[in-house]
Amino acid sequence: MDTGTHIVMGFAIGGLATLDPVVAESAATSQSVLIGAIIGSQIPDIDTVLKLRNNAVYIRNHRGITHSIPAVLIWPLLILAVLYPFYPEANLLHLWIWTFLAVFLHVFVDIFNAYGTQAIRPFSSKWVALGVINTFDPIIFGIHIIGLILWGFGFEPGPTFLFMYLIITLYYFLRFFVQNAVKSAVRKKIPDAEKIIVSSTLRFYQWRLAIVTKEFFYVARAYGSSITFFEKYKRIPVPDNPVINAAKKDKNLSAFLSFSPVYRWEIEEFEEDGYEVRFIDLRYRSNGHYPFVAVVKLDNDLEIESSYTGWIYSEEKLRKKLEIIPD
């Protein structure tokens, strides 16, 4: 989820914790739990600072080890180590329980996005991305805001947020139901589909589709059970040739390939300027454009001159990135 949603979730978990008698009966415990829940709902995204280095490091590592099983266990302990000296009268066990819940829920809700997480590390580095909930879901965010406003007007936070999370749970089930309906509609039109990647958008009934068959890639958009197809690409395996093999040594392309489950590729040869290799993720089509790419420029001797990976929305900006960001 986005940062704003994780923040309001932290406050909501702190309010929900008042249902715990140990928390409700101790000012020190309730205050520390609220702070712990807010920090816990944010701390797995501390890896966002990796973007300051470069996109390759960020794409390869964001929502990786910081969202893994060991991290979910370690983050609450680190938060307790910082908080407890300031609240020595707090109940340590219950502070840990609610802080752990905040960290766990952060990682848990992230798997429902199209971006996903490596939440089952160290057992597998596979990205778990269900694509049911958009990174920012206005309904989920809005329900949290309503709950916080009611708390501010004097409503009991425990029952308020318990009811709120029951509604959100039902909302998640509804999203799964709608997503499955979309997949069923796709299978009726393309019975030989091997993989159907359905990604949510800001609009409840609209979904992005990337469909893989034995011979083709299809890019489409669903509105309810109505499917609109935009592009159809021949599914051509990535060749084992010197140009591609040289490009694969690039850190940006390597990061892209570690993350993207469905893409097409292009090689453009320039008579005097070498080659350009481009890989294009098919999941994020927006206004006729595919913004998530990896591009590698090579000279005639197949030495990497420059490269880029990330979200880019115009060819002009991509050219500038390739000029200023060396491999």
C-alpha atoms as a PDB file:
ATOM      1  CA  MET A   1       0.000   0.000   0.000  1.00  0.00           C
ATOM      2  CA  ASP A   2       0.995   3.643  -0.225  1.00  0.00           C
ATOM      3  CA  THR A   3       2.632   5.505   2.651  1.00  0.00           C
ATOM      4  CA  GLY A   4      -0.530   7.439   3.552  1.00  0.00           C
ATOM      5  CA  THR A   5      -2.575   4.261   3.952  1.00  0.00           C
ATOM      6  CA  HIS A   6       0.108   2.638   6.082  1.00  0.00           C
ATOM      7  CA  ILE A   7       0.149   5.710   8.348  1.00  0.00           C
ATOM      8  CA  VAL A   8      -3.621   5.704   8.944  1.00  0.00           C
ATOM      9  CA  MET A   9      -3.446   1.945   9.498  1.00  0.00           C
ATOM     10  CA  GLY A  10      -0.924   2.535  12.275  1.00  0.00           C
ATOM     11  CA  PHE A  11      -3.305   4.920  14.047  1.00  0.00           C
ATOM     12  CA  ALA A  12      -6.187   2.489  13.520  1.00  0.00           C
ATOM     13  CA  ILE A  13      -4.259  -0.425  15.030  1.00  0.00           C
ATOM     14  CA  GLY A  14      -3.361   1.782  17.985  1.00  0.00           C
ATOM     15  CA  GLY A  15      -7.067   2.520  18.435  1.00  0.00           C
ATOM     16  CA  LEU A  16      -8.020  -1.119  17.988  1.00  0.00           C
ATOM     17  CA  ALA A  17      -5.554  -2.027  20.748  1.00  0.00           C
ATOM     18  CA  THR A  18      -7.814  -0.331  23.307  1.00  0.00           C
ATOM     19  CA  LEU A  19      -9.962  -3.473  23.116  1.00  0.00           C
ATOM     20  CA  ASP A  20      -7.100  -5.150  24.980  1.00  0.00           C
ATOM     21  CA  PRO A  21      -7.807  -4.650  28.730  1.00  0.00           C
ATOM     22  CA  VAL A  22      -4.080  -4.535  29.523  1.00  0.00           C
ATOM     23  CA  VAL A  23      -3.637  -1.680  27.060  1.00  0.00           C
ATOM     24  CA  ALA A  24      -6.813   0.155  28.075  1.00  0.00           C
ATOM     25  CA  GLU A  25      -5.950   0.109  31.782  1.00  0.00           C
ATOM     26  CA  SER A  26      -2.427   1.529  31.445  1.00  0.00           C
ATOM     27  CA  ALA A  27      -1.652   4.973  30.072  1.00  0.00           C
ATOM     28  CA  ALA A  28       1.990   4.013  29.503  1.00  0.00           C
ATOM     29  CA  THR A  29       1.035   0.866  27.626  1.00  0.00           C
ATOM     30  CA  SER A  30      -1.635   2.566  25.496  1.00  0.00           C
ATOM     31  CA  GLN A  31       0.673   5.445  24.554  1.00  0.00           C
ATOM     32  CA  SER A  32       3.595   3.171  23.710  1.00  0.00           C
ATOM     33  CA  VAL A  33       1.330   0.820  21.754  1.00  0.00           C
ATOM     34  CA  LEU A  34       0.009   3.694  19.649  1.00  0.00           C
ATOM     35  CA  ILE A  35       3.548   4.873  18.860  1.00  0.00           C
ATOM     36  CA  GLY A  36       4.702   1.295  18.251  1.00  0.00           C
ATOM     37  CA  ALA A  37       1.785   0.649  15.902  1.00  0.00           C
ATOM     38  CA  ILE A  38       2.486   3.797  13.892  1.00  0.00           C
ATOM     39  CA  ILE A  39       6.192   3.001  13.582  1.00  0.00           C
ATOM     40  CA  GLY A  40       5.493  -0.670  12.934  1.00  0.00           C
ATOM     41  CA  SER A  41       3.085   0.148  10.138  1.00  0.00           C
ATOM     42  CA  GLN A  42       5.841   2.144   8.388  1.00  0.00           C
ATOM     43  CA  ILE A  43       9.171   0.505   9.150  1.00  0.00           C
ATOM     44  CA  PRO A  44       9.147  -2.284   6.497  1.00  0.00           C
ATOM     45  CA  ASP A  45       9.219   0.475   3.872  1.00  0.00           C
ATOM     46  CA  ILE A  46      12.489   1.825   5.231  1.00  0.00           C
ATOM     47  CA  ASP A  47      14.055   0.291   2.116  1.00  0.00           C
ATOM     48  CA  THR A  48      12.522   3.158   0.121  1.00  0.00           C
ATOM     49  CA  VAL A  49      15.786   5.009   0.835  1.00  0.00           C
ATOM     50  CA  LEU A  50      17.414   2.643  -1.680  1.00  0.00           C
ATOM     51  CA  LYS A  51      15.879   4.784  -4.397  1.00  0.00           C
ATOM     52  CA  LEU A  52      18.487   7.400  -3.486  1.00  0.00           C
ATOM     53  CA  ARG A  53      21.134   5.045  -4.856  1.00  0.00           C
ATOM     54  CA  ASN A  54      19.541   4.022  -8.162  1.00  0.00           C
ATOM     55  CA  ASN A  55      16.449   2.372  -9.609  1.00  0.00           C
ATOM     56  CA  ALA A  56      18.167  -0.984 -10.124  1.00  0.00           C
ATOM     57  CA  VAL A  57      18.946  -1.384  -6.422  1.00  0.00           C
ATOM     58  CA  TYR A  58      15.481  -0.112  -5.487  1.00  0.00           C
ATOM     59  CA  ILE A  59      13.566  -2.427  -7.841  1.00  0.00           C
ATOM     60  CA  ARG A  60      15.594  -5.475  -6.868  1.00  0.00           C
ATOM     61  CA  ASN A  61      15.324  -4.875  -3.108  1.00  0.00           C
ATOM     62  CA  HIS A  62      12.179  -2.829  -2.339  1.00  0.00           C
ATOM     63  CA  ARG A  63       9.677  -5.003  -0.477  1.00  0.00           C
ATOM     64  CA  GLY A  64      12.317  -7.700  -0.407  1.00  0.00           C
ATOM     65  CA  ILE A  65      14.251  -8.558   2.746  1.00  0.00           C
ATOM     66  CA  THR A  66      12.520  -5.816   4.765  1.00  0.00           C
ATOM     67  CA  HIS A  67       9.199  -7.593   4.127  1.00  0.00           C
ATOM     68  CA  SER A  68      10.527 -11.121   4.701  1.00  0.00           C
ATOM     69  CA  ILE A  69       9.560 -13.531   7.476  1.00  0.00           C
ATOM     70  CA  PRO A  70      12.715 -12.828   9.542  1.00  0.00           C
ATOM     71  CA  ALA A  71      12.162  -9.079   9.187  1.00  0.00           C
ATOM     72  CA  VAL A  72       8.562  -9.339  10.416  1.00  0.00           C
ATOM     73  CA  LEU A  73       9.938 -10.981  13.558  1.00  0.00           C
ATOM     74  CA  ILE A  74      12.895  -8.628  13.999  1.00  0.00           C
ATOM     75  CA  TRP A  75      11.226  -5.233  13.396  1.00  0.00           C
ATOM     76  CA  PRO A  76       8.972  -5.404  16.508  1.00  0.00           C
ATOM     77  CA  LEU A  77      11.958  -6.272  18.690  1.00  0.00           C
ATOM     78  CA  LEU A  78      13.925  -3.297  17.372  1.00  0.00           C
ATOM     79  CA  ILE A  79      10.968  -0.987  17.949  1.00  0.00           C
ATOM     80  CA  LEU A  80      10.589  -2.307  21.510  1.00  0.00           C
ATOM     81  CA  ALA A  81      14.294  -1.739  22.150  1.00  0.00           C
ATOM     82  CA  VAL A  82      13.814   1.926  21.247  1.00  0.00           C
ATOM     83  CA  LEU A  83      10.421   2.524  22.876  1.00  0.00           C
ATOM     84  CA  TYR A  84      10.588   0.591  26.130  1.00  0.00           C
ATOM     85  CA  PRO A  85      13.228   2.788  27.849  1.00  0.00           C
ATOM     86  CA  PHE A  86      10.815   5.717  27.433  1.00  0.00           C
ATOM     87  CA  TYR A  87       7.871   3.701  28.787  1.00  0.00           C
ATOM     88  CA  PRO A  88       9.322   1.378  31.453  1.00  0.00           C
ATOM     89  CA  GLU A  89       5.886   1.002  33.071  1.00  0.00           C
ATOM     90  CA  ALA A  90       4.344  -0.359  29.864  1.00  0.00           C
ATOM     91  CA  ASN A  91       3.448  -4.019  29.595  1.00  0.00           C
ATOM     92  CA  LEU A  92       6.249  -5.364  27.426  1.00  0.00           C
ATOM     93  CA  LEU A  93       4.361  -8.421  26.124  1.00  0.00           C
ATOM     94  CA  HIS A  94       1.311  -6.465  24.982  1.00  0.00           C
ATOM     95  CA  LEU A  95       3.477  -3.725  23.496  1.00  0.00           C
ATOM     96  CA  TRP A  96       5.214  -6.418  21.444  1.00  0.00           C
ATOM     97  CA  ILE A  97       1.923  -8.061  20.412  1.00  0.00           C
ATOM     98  CA  TRP A  98       0.406  -4.891  18.956  1.00  0.00           C
ATOM     99  CA  THR A  99       3.657  -3.709  17.395  1.00  0.00           C
ATOM    100  CA  PHE A 100       4.070  -7.113  15.779  1.00  0.00           C
ATOM    101  CA  LEU A 101       0.496  -6.919  14.464  1.00  0.00           C
ATOM    102  CA  ALA A 102       1.236  -3.538  12.867  1.00  0.00           C
ATOM    103  CA  VAL A 103       4.360  -4.865  11.129  1.00  0.00           C
ATOM    104  CA  PHE A 104       2.621  -8.065  10.047  1.00  0.00           C
ATOM    105  CA  LEU A 105      -0.372  -6.214   8.601  1.00  0.00           C
ATOM    106  CA  HIS A 106       1.910  -3.897   6.644  1.00  0.00           C
ATOM    107  CA  VAL A 107       3.532  -6.859   4.896  1.00  0.00           C
ATOM    108  CA  PHE A 108       0.263  -8.786   4.614  1.00  0.00           C
ATOM    109  CA  VAL A 109      -1.695  -6.037   2.842  1.00  0.00           C
ATOM    110  CA  ASP A 110       1.210  -5.391   0.451  1.00  0.00           C
ATOM    111  CA  ILE A 111       0.864  -8.850  -1.096  1.00  0.00           C
ATOM    112  CA  PHE A 112      -2.561  -7.865  -2.445  1.00  0.00           C
ATOM    113  CA  ASN A 113      -1.033  -5.196  -4.727  1.00  0.00           C
ATOM    114  CA  ALA A 114       0.225  -5.788  -8.263  1.00  0.00           C
ATOM    115  CA  TYR A 115       3.740  -4.843  -7.095  1.00  0.00           C
ATOM    116  CA  GLY A 116       3.709  -7.468  -4.344  1.00  0.00           C
ATOM    117  CA  THR A 117       6.436  -8.469  -1.889  1.00  0.00           C
ATOM    118  CA  GLN A 118       8.956 -11.228  -1.277  1.00  0.00           C
ATOM    119  CA  ALA A 119       7.026 -12.075   1.879  1.00  0.00           C
ATOM    120  CA  ILE A 120       7.987 -15.760   1.958  1.00  0.00           C
ATOM    121  CA  ARG A 121      11.745 -15.182   2.027  1.00  0.00           C
ATOM    122  CA  PRO A 122      13.984 -16.955   3.007  1.00  0.00           C
ATOM    123  CA  PHE A 123      12.029 -19.985   1.772  1.00  0.00           C
ATOM    124  CA  SER A 124      11.553 -18.458  -1.672  1.00  0.00           C
ATOM    125  CA  SER A 125      12.501 -15.223  -3.421  1.00  0.00           C
ATOM    126  CA  LYS A 126       9.298 -15.395  -5.481  1.00  0.00           C
ATOM    127  CA  TRP A 127       7.282 -12.179  -5.636  1.00  0.00           C
ATOM    128  CA  VAL A 128       3.820 -12.630  -4.114  1.00  0.00           C
ATOM    129  CA  ALA A 129       1.541 -10.177  -5.922  1.00  0.00           C
ATOM    130  CA  LEU A 130      -2.187 -10.890  -5.991  1.00  0.00           C
ATOM    131  CA  GLY A 131      -3.185  -7.700  -7.820  1.00  0.00           C
ATOM    132  CA  VAL A 132      -6.510  -7.433  -5.994  1.00  0.00           C
ATOM    133  CA  ILE A 133      -6.032  -4.030  -4.356  1.00  0.00           C
ATOM    134  CA  ASN A 134      -4.475  -0.964  -5.950  1.00  0.00           C
ATOM    135  CA  THR A 135      -1.371   0.455  -4.264  1.00  0.00           C
ATOM    136  CA  PHE A 136      -3.619   3.348  -3.245  1.00  0.00           C
ATOM    137  CA  ASP A 137      -7.199   2.256  -2.726  1.00  0.00           C
ATOM    138  CA  PRO A 138      -9.476   5.245  -2.072  1.00  0.00           C
ATOM    139  CA  ILE A 139     -12.127   3.087  -0.386  1.00  0.00           C
ATOM    140  CA  ILE A 140      -9.710   1.555   2.125  1.00  0.00           C
ATOM    141  CA  PHE A 141      -8.059   4.905   2.777  1.00  0.00           C
ATOM    142  CA  GLY A 142     -11.431   6.631   3.095  1.00  0.00           C
ATOM    143  CA  ILE A 143     -12.747   4.069   5.605  1.00  0.00           C
ATOM    144  CA  HIS A 144      -9.680   4.648   7.765  1.00  0.00           C
ATOM    145  CA  ILE A 145     -10.147   8.415   7.609  1.00  0.00           C
ATOM    146  CA  ILE A 146     -13.802   8.050   8.640  1.00  0.00           C
ATOM    147  CA  GLY A 147     -12.729   5.885  11.580  1.00  0.00           C
ATOM    148  CA  LEU A 148     -10.152   8.436  12.685  1.00  0.00           C
ATOM    149  CA  ILE A 149     -12.683  11.274  12.414  1.00  0.00           C
ATOM    150  CA  LEU A 150     -15.178   9.326  14.527  1.00  0.00           C
ATOM    151  CA  TRP A 151     -12.436   8.715  17.094  1.00  0.00           C
ATOM    152  CA  GLY A 152     -11.744  12.429  17.122  1.00  0.00           C
ATOM    153  CA  PHE A 153     -15.433  13.117  17.800  1.00  0.00           C
ATOM    154  CA  GLY A 154     -15.386  10.865  20.845  1.00  0.00           C
ATOM    155  CA  PHE A 155     -16.387   7.438  19.527  1.00  0.00           C
ATOM    156  CA  GLU A 156     -14.734   4.518  21.288  1.00  0.00           C
ATOM    157  CA  PRO A 157     -11.757   3.611  19.079  1.00  0.00           C
ATOM    158  CA  GLY A 158     -11.778  -0.135  19.774  1.00  0.00           C
ATOM    159  CA  PRO A 159     -15.304  -0.954  18.549  1.00  0.00           C
ATOM    160  CA  THR A 160     -15.055   1.693  15.823  1.00  0.00           C
ATOM    161  CA  PHE A 161     -11.942   0.211  14.221  1.00  0.00           C
ATOM    162  CA  LEU A 162     -13.081  -3.373  14.805  1.00  0.00           C
ATOM    163  CA  PHE A 163     -16.228  -2.623  12.797  1.00  0.00           C
ATOM    164  CA  MET A 164     -14.131  -0.779  10.220  1.00  0.00           C
ATOM    165  CA  TYR A 165     -11.832  -3.753   9.700  1.00  0.00           C
ATOM    166  CA  LEU A 166     -14.788  -6.104   9.357  1.00  0.00           C
ATOM    167  CA  ILE A 167     -16.030  -3.909   6.508  1.00  0.00           C
ATOM    168  CA  ILE A 168     -12.575  -3.838   4.910  1.00  0.00           C
ATOM    169  CA  THR A 169     -12.319  -7.646   5.177  1.00  0.00           C
ATOM    170  CA  LEU A 170     -15.613  -7.984   3.313  1.00  0.00           C
ATOM    171  CA  TYR A 171     -14.316  -5.500   0.753  1.00  0.00           C
ATOM    172  CA  TYR A 172     -11.270  -7.700   0.138  1.00  0.00           C
ATOM    173  CA  PHE A 173     -13.501 -10.730  -0.433  1.00  0.00           C
ATOM    174  CA  LEU A 174     -15.569  -8.670  -2.869  1.00  0.00           C
ATOM    175  CA  ARG A 175     -12.426  -7.662  -4.769  1.00  0.00           C
ATOM    176  CA  PHE A 176     -11.402 -11.314  -5.087  1.00  0.00           C
ATOM    177  CA  PHE A 177     -14.872 -12.162  -6.361  1.00  0.00           C
ATOM    178  CA  VAL A 178     -14.732  -9.429  -9.022  1.00  0.00           C
ATOM    179  CA  GLN A 179     -11.176 -10.376 -10.021  1.00  0.00           C
ATOM    180  CA  ASN A 180     -12.177 -14.022 -10.463  1.00  0.00           C
ATOM    181  CA  ALA A 181     -15.120 -12.915 -12.601  1.00  0.00           C
ATOM    182  CA  VAL A 182     -12.676 -11.015 -14.818  1.00  0.00           C
ATOM    183  CA  LYS A 183     -10.436 -14.091 -15.143  1.00  0.00           C
ATOM    184  CA  SER A 184     -13.451 -16.209 -16.088  1.00  0.00           C
ATOM    185  CA  ALA A 185     -14.410 -13.684 -18.767  1.00  0.00           C
ATOM    186  CA  VAL A 186     -10.851 -13.786 -20.150  1.00  0.00           C
ATOM    187  CA  ARG A 187     -10.838 -17.594 -20.291  1.00  0.00           C
ATOM    188  CA  LYS A 188     -14.064 -17.547 -22.314  1.00  0.00           C
ATOM    189  CA  LYS A 189     -12.401 -15.314 -24.911  1.00  0.00           C
ATOM    190  CA  ILE A 190      -8.949 -16.930 -24.747  1.00  0.00           C
ATOM    191  CA  PRO A 191      -9.401 -20.569 -23.671  1.00  0.00           C
ATOM    192  CA  ASP A 192      -5.711 -21.369 -24.137  1.00  0.00           C
ATOM    193  CA  ALA A 193      -4.504 -18.675 -21.729  1.00  0.00           C
ATOM    194  CA  GLU A 194      -1.580 -20.017 -19.705  1.00  0.00           C
ATOM    195  CA  LYS A 195      -1.277 -17.011 -17.395  1.00  0.00           C
ATOM    196  CA  ILE A 196      -3.694 -14.192 -16.662  1.00  0.00           C
ATOM    197  CA  ILE A 197      -2.255 -11.270 -14.705  1.00  0.00           C
ATOM    198  CA  VAL A 198      -5.089  -9.087 -13.436  1.00  0.00           C
ATOM    199  CA  SER A 199      -4.060  -5.815 -11.794  1.00  0.00           C
ATOM    200  CA  SER A 200      -6.410  -3.413 -10.058  1.00  0.00           C
ATOM    201  CA  THR A 201      -6.744   0.278 -10.858  1.00  0.00           C
ATOM    202  CA  LEU A 202      -8.133   3.226  -8.910  1.00  0.00           C
ATOM    203  CA  ARG A 203     -11.581   2.439 -10.325  1.00  0.00           C
ATOM    204  CA  PHE A 204     -13.474  -0.404  -8.711  1.00  0.00           C
ATOM    205  CA  TYR A 205     -14.582  -2.216 -11.884  1.00  0.00           C
ATOM    206  CA  GLN A 206     -11.549  -1.485 -14.070  1.00  0.00           C
ATOM    207  CA  TRP A 207      -8.621  -3.897 -14.242  1.00  0.00           C
ATOM    208  CA  ARG A 208      -5.424  -4.070 -16.292  1.00  0.00           C
ATOM    209  CA  LEU A 209      -4.802  -7.393 -18.019  1.00  0.00           C
ATOM    210  CA  ALA A 210      -1.671  -9.077 -19.310  1.00  0.00           C
ATOM    211  CA  ILE A 211      -2.476 -12.478 -20.816  1.00  0.00           C
ATOM    212  CA  VAL A 212       0.022 -15.120 -21.875  1.00  0.00           C
ATOM    213  CA  THR A 213      -0.696 -17.981 -24.275  1.00  0.00           C
ATOM    214  CA  LYS A 214       1.707 -20.390 -25.914  1.00  0.00           C
ATOM    215  CA  GLU A 215       2.060 -18.136 -28.965  1.00  0.00           C
ATOM    216  CA  PHE A 216       0.976 -14.620 -27.950  1.00  0.00           C
ATOM    217  CA  PHE A 217       0.921 -11.876 -25.335  1.00  0.00           C
ATOM    218  CA  TYR A 218      -2.342  -9.951 -25.046  1.00  0.00           C
ATOM    219  CA  VAL A 219      -2.734  -6.598 -23.328  1.00  0.00           C
ATOM    220  CA  ALA A 220      -6.268  -5.646 -22.370  1.00  0.00           C
ATOM    221  CA  ARG A 221      -8.494  -3.744 -19.978  1.00  0.00           C
ATOM    222  CA  ALA A 222     -11.546  -5.114 -18.186  1.00  0.00           C
ATOM    223  CA  TYR A 223     -14.568  -3.163 -17.049  1.00  0.00           C
ATOM    224  CA  GLY A 224     -16.590  -5.621 -15.030  1.00  0.00           C
ATOM    225  CA  SER A 225     -16.764  -8.717 -17.241  1.00  0.00           C
ATOM    226  CA  SER A 226     -16.362  -6.719 -20.465  1.00  0.00           C
ATOM    227  CA  ILE A 227     -12.886  -7.169 -21.969  1.00  0.00           C
ATOM    228  CA  THR A 228     -11.282  -4.652 -24.350  1.00  0.00           C
ATOM    229  CA  PHE A 229      -8.133  -5.836 -26.120  1.00  0.00           C
ATOM    230  CA  PHE A 230      -5.461  -3.257 -26.993  1.00  0.00           C
ATOM    231  CA  GLU A 231      -2.407  -5.102 -28.286  1.00  0.00           C
ATOM    232  CA  LYS A 232      -1.410  -8.587 -29.328  1.00  0.00           C
ATOM    233  CA  TYR A 233       2.269  -9.510 -29.552  1.00  0.00           C
ATOM    234  CA  LYS A 234       3.880 -12.634 -30.904  1.00  0.00           C
ATOM    235  CA  ARG A 235       5.501 -14.484 -28.006  1.00  0.00           C
ATOM    236  CA  ILE A 236       9.099 -14.733 -29.151  1.00  0.00           C
ATOM    237  CA  PRO A 237      11.622 -16.236 -26.717  1.00  0.00           C
ATOM    238  CA  VAL A 238      14.488 -14.004 -25.696  1.00  0.00           C
ATOM    239  CA  PRO A 239      17.290 -15.034 -28.079  1.00  0.00           C
ATOM    240  CA  ASP A 240      20.620 -16.421 -27.011  1.00  0.00           C
ATOM    241  CA  ASN A 241      22.773 -14.069 -29.041  1.00  0.00           C
ATOM    242  CA  PRO A 242      25.791 -11.842 -28.313  1.00  0.00           C
ATOM    243  CA  VAL A 243      23.793  -8.598 -28.120  1.00  0.00           C
ATOM    244  CA  ILE A 244      21.238  -9.900 -25.603  1.00  0.00           C
ATOM    245  CA  ASN A 245      23.883 -11.730 -23.592  1.00  0.00           C
ATOM    246  CA  ALA A 246      25.955  -8.559 -23.321  1.00  0.00           C
ATOM    247  CA  ALA A 247      22.905  -6.515 -22.310  1.00  0.00           C
ATOM    248  CA  LYS A 248      21.986  -9.038 -19.607  1.00  0.00           C
ATOM    249  CA  LYS A 249      25.209  -8.197 -17.802  1.00  0.00           C
ATOM    250  CA  ASP A 250      23.788  -4.752 -17.069  1.00  0.00           C
ATOM    251  CA  LYS A 251      22.560  -4.205 -13.513  1.00  0.00           C
ATOM    252  CA  ASN A 252      19.436  -2.294 -14.612  1.00  0.00           C
ATOM    253  CA  LEU A 253      18.257  -5.000 -16.993  1.00  0.00           C
ATOM    254  CA  SER A 254      19.106  -7.680 -14.436  1.00  0.00           C
ATOM    255  CA  ALA A 255      16.942  -5.900 -11.845  1.00  0.00           C
ATOM    256  CA  PHE A 256      14.072  -5.596 -14.319  1.00  0.00           C
ATOM    257  CA  LEU A 257      14.191  -9.304 -15.179  1.00  0.00           C
ATOM    258  CA  SER A 258      14.231 -10.257 -11.503  1.00  0.00           C
ATOM    259  CA  PHE A 259      10.981  -8.365 -10.982  1.00  0.00           C
ATOM    260  CA  SER A 260       8.881  -8.472 -14.147  1.00  0.00           C
ATOM    261  CA  PRO A 261       6.849 -11.646 -14.851  1.00  0.00           C
ATOM    262  CA  VAL A 262       5.617 -10.707 -18.346  1.00  0.00           C
ATOM    263  CA  TYR A 263       7.460  -8.611 -20.888  1.00  0.00           C
ATOM    264  CA  ARG A 264       8.433  -8.322 -24.529  1.00  0.00           C
ATOM    265  CA  TRP A 265      11.805  -7.334 -25.928  1.00  0.00           C
ATOM    266  CA  GLU A 266      13.229  -5.324 -28.806  1.00  0.00           C
ATOM    267  CA  ILE A 267      16.682  -4.913 -30.360  1.00  0.00           C
ATOM    268  CA  GLU A 268      17.426  -1.879 -32.482  1.00  0.00           C
ATOM    269  CA  GLU A 269      20.664  -1.757 -34.442  1.00  0.00           C
ATOM    270  CA  PHE A 270      22.251   1.539 -35.462  1.00  0.00           C
ATOM    271  CA  GLU A 271      24.727   1.560 -38.311  1.00  0.00           C
ATOM    272  CA  GLU A 272      27.376   3.580 -36.479  1.00  0.00           C
ATOM    273  CA  ASP A 273      26.107   3.799 -32.912  1.00  0.00           C
ATOM    274  CA  GLY A 274      25.773   0.176 -31.866  1.00  0.00           C
ATOM    275  CA  TYR A 275      22.625  -1.335 -30.393  1.00  0.00           C
ATOM    276  CA  GLU A 276      19.736  -0.580 -28.100  1.00  0.00           C
ATOM    277  CA  VAL A 277      18.043  -3.414 -26.202  1.00  0.00           C
ATOM    278  CA  ARG A 278      14.679  -2.706 -24.651  1.00  0.00           C
ATOM    279  CA  PHE A 279      12.526  -4.862 -22.368  1.00  0.00           C
ATOM    280  CA  ILE A 280       8.943  -3.701 -21.780  1.00  0.00           C
ATOM    281  CA  ASP A 281       6.715  -4.820 -18.914  1.00  0.00           C
ATOM    282  CA  LEU A 282       3.207  -5.483 -20.235  1.00  0.00           C
ATOM    283  CA  ARG A 283       1.335  -5.095 -16.938  1.00  0.00           C
ATOM    284  CA  TYR A 284       1.216  -1.320 -16.651  1.00  0.00           C
ATOM    285  CA  ARG A 285      -0.194  -0.012 -19.944  1.00  0.00           C
ATOM    286  CA  SER A 286      -1.462   3.539 -19.445  1.00  0.00           C
ATOM    287  CA  ASN A 287      -2.858   5.779 -22.185  1.00  0.00           C
ATOM    288  CA  GLY A 288      -1.306   3.619 -24.860  1.00  0.00           C
ATOM    289  CA  HIS A 289       2.110   3.705 -23.212  1.00  0.00           C
ATOM    290  CA  TYR A 290       4.104   1.084 -21.320  1.00  0.00           C
ATOM    291  CA  PRO A 291       5.931   3.054 -18.620  1.00  0.00           C
ATOM    292  CA  PHE A 292       7.946   0.320 -16.914  1.00  0.00           C
ATOM    293  CA  VAL A 293      10.980  -0.550 -19.039  1.00  0.00           C
ATOM    294  CA  ALA A 294      14.625  -1.500 -19.051  1.00  0.00           C
ATOM    295  CA  VAL A 295      16.844  -0.106 -21.782  1.00  0.00           C
ATOM    296  CA  VAL A 296      20.506  -0.843 -22.457  1.00  0.00           C
ATOM    297  CA  LYS A 297      22.652   1.004 -25.000  1.00  0.00           C
ATOM    298  CA  LEU A 298      25.698  -0.856 -26.346  1.00  0.00           C
ATOM    299  CA  ASP A 299      28.421   0.218 -28.728  1.00  0.00           C
ATOM    300  CA  ASN A 300      29.506  -1.782 -31.771  1.00  0.00           C
ATOM    301  CA  ASP A 301      31.896  -3.775 -29.586  1.00  0.00           C
ATOM    302  CA  LEU A 302      28.956  -4.709 -27.307  1.00  0.00           C
ATOM    303  CA  GLU A 303      30.286  -2.645 -24.443  1.00  0.00           C
ATOM    304  CA  ILE A 304      27.542  -1.090 -22.316  1.00  0.00           C
ATOM    305  CA  GLU A 305      27.407   2.681 -22.768  1.00  0.00           C
ATOM    306  CA  SER A 306      24.390   3.486 -20.602  1.00  0.00           C
ATOM    307  CA  SER A 307      21.203   1.948 -19.258  1.00  0.00           C
ATOM    308  CA  TYR A 308      18.030   2.696 -17.367  1.00  0.00           C
ATOM    309  CA  THR A 309      15.203   0.870 -15.686  1.00  0.00           C
ATOM    310  CA  GLY A 310      12.101   2.255 -14.043  1.00  0.00           C
ATOM    311  CA  TRP A 311       8.896   4.075 -14.824  1.00  0.00           C
ATOM    312  CA  ILE A 312       9.189   6.544 -17.669  1.00  0.00           C
ATOM    313  CA  TYR A 313       6.340   8.286 -19.490  1.00  0.00           C
ATOM    314  CA  SER A 314       7.964   9.857 -22.534  1.00  0.00           C
ATOM    315  CA  GLU A 315      10.667   8.941 -25.008  1.00  0.00           C
ATOM    316  CA  GLU A 316      12.285  12.344 -24.498  1.00  0.00           C
ATOM    317  CA  LYS A 317      12.761  11.724 -20.769  1.00  0.00           C
ATOM    318  CA  LEU A 318      14.084   8.254 -21.468  1.00  0.00           C
ATOM    319  CA  ARG A 319      16.708   9.711 -23.826  1.00  0.00           C
ATOM    320  CA  LYS A 320      17.809  12.091 -21.073  1.00  0.00           C
ATOM    321  CA  LYS A 321      18.028   9.262 -18.550  1.00  0.00           C
ATOM    322  CA  LEU A 322      20.186   7.229 -20.904  1.00  0.00           C
ATOM    323  CA  GLU A 323      22.516  10.183 -21.352  1.00  0.00           C
ATOM    324  CA  ILE A 324      23.033  10.972 -17.639  1.00  0.00           C
ATOM    325  CA  ILE A 325      22.798   7.562 -15.975  1.00  0.00           C
ATOM    326  CA  PRO A 326      25.737   5.304 -16.887  1.00  0.00           C
ATOM    327  CA  ASP A 327      25.709   1.612 -16.091  1.00  0.00           C
END
